[in-house]
Amino acid sequence: EGEPVEESDKFYEKERVTQSDVVPAEEGLNRFVWNMRYPGATDLEGTQILWAGSTDGPEAIPGRYSVRLVVDGEPIMEQPFEIVKDPRIETTQDDFRAQFDLHKTIISKLDTTHKAINRIREIRAEIDELLEENPTGETRARAETIKDRLAEIEGALVQTKAEAFQDVLNYPIKLNNKLAALANTVATGDNRPTKQQYAVFEELAAKVDAKLEALDPILERELPELQ
């Protein structure tokens, strides 16, 4: 169209993606389609391998909602709408609410888990930079000890050896993937969660919390002392 071709030295460059909750302001007709999902969990920095699960948030349940158009921080108009259930199913509103609440709770725990993993990876990079400045002595010994403990915590939260989806055939999935897979089973169909699903979440959440408790003293005391 007479415009110069944009060039990039990158082998692959992601397309510019508009925020999922923002209507484009480009000239002409613009459209926003809500996928009826609430915000999901934080993604892992780098490679993210999740078998039979994802970080997607829960879907909105049947009920009345409203959409607002906001321009420069000012509400321009509001329109109510309703999501109705499939009339062929017998799922009650209480069933939908229970399914939504458990899915949201699982995704919230997965979000906390992924944020902790990302923080661990940031700390490891910070420690490596510190070791370049202080390659010997007591500082290095303390730093290596902290890195070992971080590796143990991270290894329980996520399968660090998985770099491709087929890798988890050889290396078992860890807590984050188990949470994601559980969320997927809870979200499947239009049904009230089972007692077993609640029980599995409680077990997984307790294991995650134990690892996060082990991470707290490193973040709050040992890392500041190392610096």
Protein backbone atom coordinates (compact mmCIF):
# COMPACT_ATOMS: atom_id res chain seq x y z
CA GLU A 1 0.00 0.00 0.00
CA GLY A 2 2.96 2.33 -0.57
CA GLU A 3 4.20 2.03 3.05
CA PRO A 4 7.72 0.83 3.86
CA VAL A 5 7.96 -2.80 5.02
CA GLU A 6 8.82 -3.18 8.72
CA GLU A 7 11.91 -5.30 9.27
CA SER A 8 12.98 -7.17 12.38
CA ASP A 9 16.14 -9.05 13.26
CA LYS A 10 14.11 -11.47 15.38
CA PHE A 11 13.37 -14.93 13.98
CA TYR A 12 9.89 -14.77 15.47
CA GLU A 13 8.16 -11.68 16.79
CA LYS A 14 4.86 -11.82 18.62
CA GLU A 15 2.03 -9.75 17.20
CA ARG A 16 0.89 -6.71 19.14
CA VAL A 17 -2.11 -7.88 21.11
CA THR A 18 -4.73 -5.51 22.50
CA GLN A 19 -5.69 -6.03 26.14
CA SER A 20 -8.52 -8.51 26.41
CA ASP A 21 -10.74 -6.04 28.28
CA VAL A 22 -10.15 -3.04 26.01
CA VAL A 23 -12.07 -2.08 22.87
CA PRO A 24 -9.68 -0.83 20.13
CA ALA A 25 -9.88 2.88 19.30
CA GLU A 26 -8.87 2.52 15.68
CA GLU A 27 -10.73 4.35 12.95
CA GLY A 28 -13.80 2.51 11.75
CA LEU A 29 -15.94 -0.18 13.35
CA ASN A 30 -14.44 -1.83 16.45
CA ARG A 31 -15.70 -4.89 18.24
CA PHE A 32 -14.97 -6.51 21.61
CA VAL A 33 -16.06 -10.09 22.34
CA TRP A 34 -16.13 -11.27 25.95
CA ASN A 35 -15.24 -14.92 26.28
CA MET A 36 -17.19 -14.97 29.57
CA ARG A 37 -14.03 -15.80 31.53
CA TYR A 38 -12.77 -14.06 34.62
CA PRO A 39 -9.04 -13.24 34.95
CA GLY A 40 -6.80 -16.28 35.06
CA ALA A 41 -3.59 -17.12 36.91
CA THR A 42 -0.23 -15.51 36.24
CA ASP A 43 1.77 -17.32 33.57
CA LEU A 44 5.30 -18.55 34.22
CA GLU A 45 8.16 -16.53 32.85
CA GLY A 46 9.81 -18.54 30.11
CA THR A 47 8.62 -22.03 29.17
CA GLN A 48 5.28 -23.07 30.62
CA ILE A 49 4.31 -26.74 30.34
CA LEU A 50 0.84 -27.61 31.61
CA TRP A 51 -0.67 -30.97 30.75
CA ALA A 52 -4.48 -31.28 30.87
CA GLY A 53 -4.79 -27.80 32.32
CA SER A 54 -4.26 -24.09 31.79
CA THR A 55 -4.14 -20.76 33.62
CA ASP A 56 -7.58 -19.74 32.29
CA GLY A 57 -9.98 -18.20 34.78
CA PRO A 58 -13.49 -19.51 35.50
CA GLU A 59 -16.41 -18.85 33.17
CA ALA A 60 -19.21 -16.55 34.25
CA ILE A 61 -22.26 -18.40 35.50
CA PRO A 62 -25.85 -17.74 34.39
CA GLY A 63 -27.12 -14.41 35.70
CA ARG A 64 -27.57 -10.72 34.99
CA TYR A 65 -24.54 -8.60 34.10
CA SER A 66 -23.82 -5.20 32.61
CA VAL A 67 -21.26 -3.83 30.17
CA ARG A 68 -19.97 -0.25 30.43
CA LEU A 69 -18.23 1.87 27.84
CA VAL A 70 -15.56 4.05 29.49
CA VAL A 71 -13.65 6.68 27.52
CA ASP A 72 -10.76 8.57 29.16
CA GLY A 73 -11.92 7.37 32.54
CA GLU A 74 -15.49 8.61 32.08
CA PRO A 75 -18.43 6.17 31.74
CA ILE A 76 -20.29 6.91 28.50
CA MET A 77 -23.02 4.28 28.48
CA GLU A 78 -24.09 1.06 30.18
CA GLN A 79 -26.06 -1.89 28.84
CA PRO A 80 -27.50 -4.79 30.89
CA PHE A 81 -27.51 -8.33 29.55
CA GLU A 82 -28.20 -11.83 30.80
CA ILE A 83 -26.39 -15.15 30.49
CA VAL A 84 -28.88 -18.00 30.51
CA LYS A 85 -28.22 -21.67 31.05
CA ASP A 86 -28.91 -24.41 28.54
CA PRO A 87 -32.59 -25.27 29.17
CA ARG A 88 -31.86 -28.96 28.61
CA ILE A 89 -29.72 -29.34 31.74
CA GLU A 90 -30.86 -29.63 35.35
CA THR A 91 -27.92 -27.82 36.95
CA THR A 92 -29.16 -25.41 39.63
CA GLN A 93 -27.88 -21.90 40.30
CA ASP A 94 -26.30 -23.17 43.53
CA ASP A 95 -24.49 -25.85 41.50
CA PHE A 96 -23.16 -23.24 39.09
CA ARG A 97 -22.03 -21.04 41.98
CA ALA A 98 -20.24 -23.94 43.71
CA GLN A 99 -18.45 -24.86 40.47
CA PHE A 100 -17.44 -21.23 39.87
CA ASP A 101 -16.22 -20.71 43.44
CA LEU A 102 -14.03 -23.82 43.50
CA HIS A 103 -12.58 -23.10 40.05
CA LYS A 104 -11.79 -19.53 41.12
CA THR A 105 -10.19 -20.75 44.35
CA ILE A 106 -7.96 -23.22 42.49
CA ILE A 107 -6.90 -20.58 39.96
CA SER A 108 -6.12 -18.18 42.81
CA LYS A 109 -3.82 -20.79 44.39
CA LEU A 110 -2.21 -21.46 41.01
CA ASP A 111 -1.66 -17.70 40.61
CA THR A 112 0.10 -17.57 43.99
CA THR A 113 2.19 -20.60 43.02
CA HIS A 114 3.30 -19.15 39.69
CA LYS A 115 4.15 -15.78 41.24
CA ALA A 116 6.34 -17.58 43.77
CA ILE A 117 8.08 -19.55 41.01
CA ASN A 118 8.72 -16.37 39.02
CA ARG A 119 10.11 -14.70 42.14
CA ILE A 120 12.42 -17.63 42.81
CA ARG A 121 13.79 -17.34 39.28
CA GLU A 122 14.34 -13.61 39.72
CA ILE A 123 16.20 -14.23 42.97
CA ARG A 124 18.42 -16.85 41.35
CA ALA A 125 19.39 -14.34 38.66
CA GLU A 126 20.12 -11.72 41.32
CA ILE A 127 22.31 -14.17 43.24
CA ASP A 128 24.22 -15.10 40.10
CA GLU A 129 24.99 -11.41 39.51
CA LEU A 130 26.12 -11.09 43.11
CA LEU A 131 28.43 -14.08 42.75
CA GLU A 132 30.07 -12.52 39.73
CA GLU A 133 31.06 -9.60 41.96
CA ASN A 134 32.02 -11.81 44.93
CA PRO A 135 33.19 -15.11 43.44
CA THR A 136 34.86 -16.44 46.61
CA GLY A 137 34.58 -16.40 50.38
CA GLU A 138 31.74 -16.62 52.88
CA THR A 139 29.29 -14.73 50.64
CA ARG A 140 29.57 -17.37 47.94
CA ALA A 141 29.01 -20.22 50.40
CA ARG A 142 25.86 -18.58 51.80
CA ALA A 143 24.63 -17.75 48.31
CA GLU A 144 25.08 -21.31 47.08
CA THR A 145 23.19 -22.60 50.12
CA ILE A 146 20.28 -20.28 49.37
CA LYS A 147 20.28 -21.33 45.71
CA ASP A 148 20.11 -25.00 46.71
CA ARG A 149 17.13 -24.35 48.97
CA LEU A 150 15.40 -22.31 46.28
CA ALA A 151 15.96 -25.13 43.79
CA GLU A 152 14.35 -27.61 46.18
CA ILE A 153 11.28 -25.39 46.62
CA GLU A 154 10.99 -24.62 42.92
CA GLY A 155 11.40 -28.30 42.02
CA ALA A 156 8.41 -29.17 44.18
CA LEU A 157 6.24 -26.43 42.71
CA VAL A 158 7.08 -26.95 39.01
CA GLN A 159 8.77 -29.57 36.84
CA THR A 160 11.98 -27.71 36.03
CA LYS A 161 13.24 -30.42 33.64
CA ALA A 162 10.31 -30.04 31.25
CA GLU A 163 11.18 -27.89 28.24
CA ALA A 164 8.63 -29.39 25.84
CA PHE A 165 5.24 -31.04 26.30
CA GLN A 166 6.59 -34.52 25.64
CA ASP A 167 9.12 -34.13 28.48
CA VAL A 168 6.49 -34.81 31.14
CA LEU A 169 6.23 -38.35 29.81
CA ASN A 170 9.62 -38.87 31.47
CA TYR A 171 9.44 -36.33 34.28
CA PRO A 172 6.33 -36.26 36.51
CA ILE A 173 4.17 -33.15 36.75
CA LYS A 174 4.46 -31.12 39.94
CA LEU A 175 2.10 -29.06 42.11
CA ASN A 176 1.39 -26.22 39.68
CA ASN A 177 0.40 -28.62 36.90
CA LYS A 178 -1.71 -30.68 39.30
CA LEU A 179 -3.61 -27.54 40.30
CA ALA A 180 -4.12 -26.57 36.65
CA ALA A 181 -5.34 -30.07 35.78
CA LEU A 182 -7.71 -30.08 38.76
CA ALA A 183 -9.13 -26.73 37.66
CA ASN A 184 -9.76 -28.24 34.24
CA THR A 185 -11.69 -31.18 35.67
CA VAL A 186 -13.79 -28.89 37.88
CA ALA A 187 -14.63 -26.68 34.89
CA THR A 188 -15.61 -29.59 32.66
CA GLY A 189 -19.36 -29.75 32.13
CA ASP A 190 -22.05 -27.96 34.14
CA ASN A 191 -21.93 -29.79 37.43
CA ARG A 192 -21.46 -29.21 41.15
CA PRO A 193 -17.90 -30.20 42.17
CA THR A 194 -17.49 -33.63 43.72
CA LYS A 195 -16.28 -34.30 47.26
CA GLN A 196 -13.13 -35.81 45.76
CA GLN A 197 -12.33 -32.59 43.88
CA TYR A 198 -12.60 -30.56 47.07
CA ALA A 199 -10.41 -33.09 48.88
CA VAL A 200 -7.74 -33.09 46.17
CA PHE A 201 -7.61 -29.29 46.25
CA GLU A 202 -7.17 -29.23 50.01
CA GLU A 203 -4.29 -31.71 49.72
CA LEU A 204 -2.56 -29.80 46.91
CA ALA A 205 -3.09 -26.42 48.59
CA ALA A 206 -1.55 -27.70 51.82
CA LYS A 207 1.55 -28.91 49.97
CA VAL A 208 1.91 -25.58 48.15
CA ASP A 209 1.50 -23.64 51.40
CA ALA A 210 4.23 -25.71 53.04
CA LYS A 211 6.67 -24.78 50.26
CA LEU A 212 5.68 -21.12 50.41
CA GLU A 213 6.25 -21.11 54.16
CA ALA A 214 9.76 -22.45 53.52
CA LEU A 215 10.29 -19.63 51.02
CA ASP A 216 9.26 -16.83 53.39
CA PRO A 217 12.38 -16.74 55.61
CA ILE A 218 14.60 -16.69 52.53
CA LEU A 219 12.78 -13.68 51.10
CA GLU A 220 12.28 -11.82 54.36
CA ARG A 221 15.59 -12.40 56.16
CA GLU A 222 18.30 -14.39 54.42
CA LEU A 223 18.26 -12.65 51.04
CA PRO A 224 18.43 -9.10 52.50
CA GLU A 225 21.30 -10.22 54.76
CA LEU A 226 23.15 -11.65 51.75
CA GLN A 227 22.94 -8.35 49.92
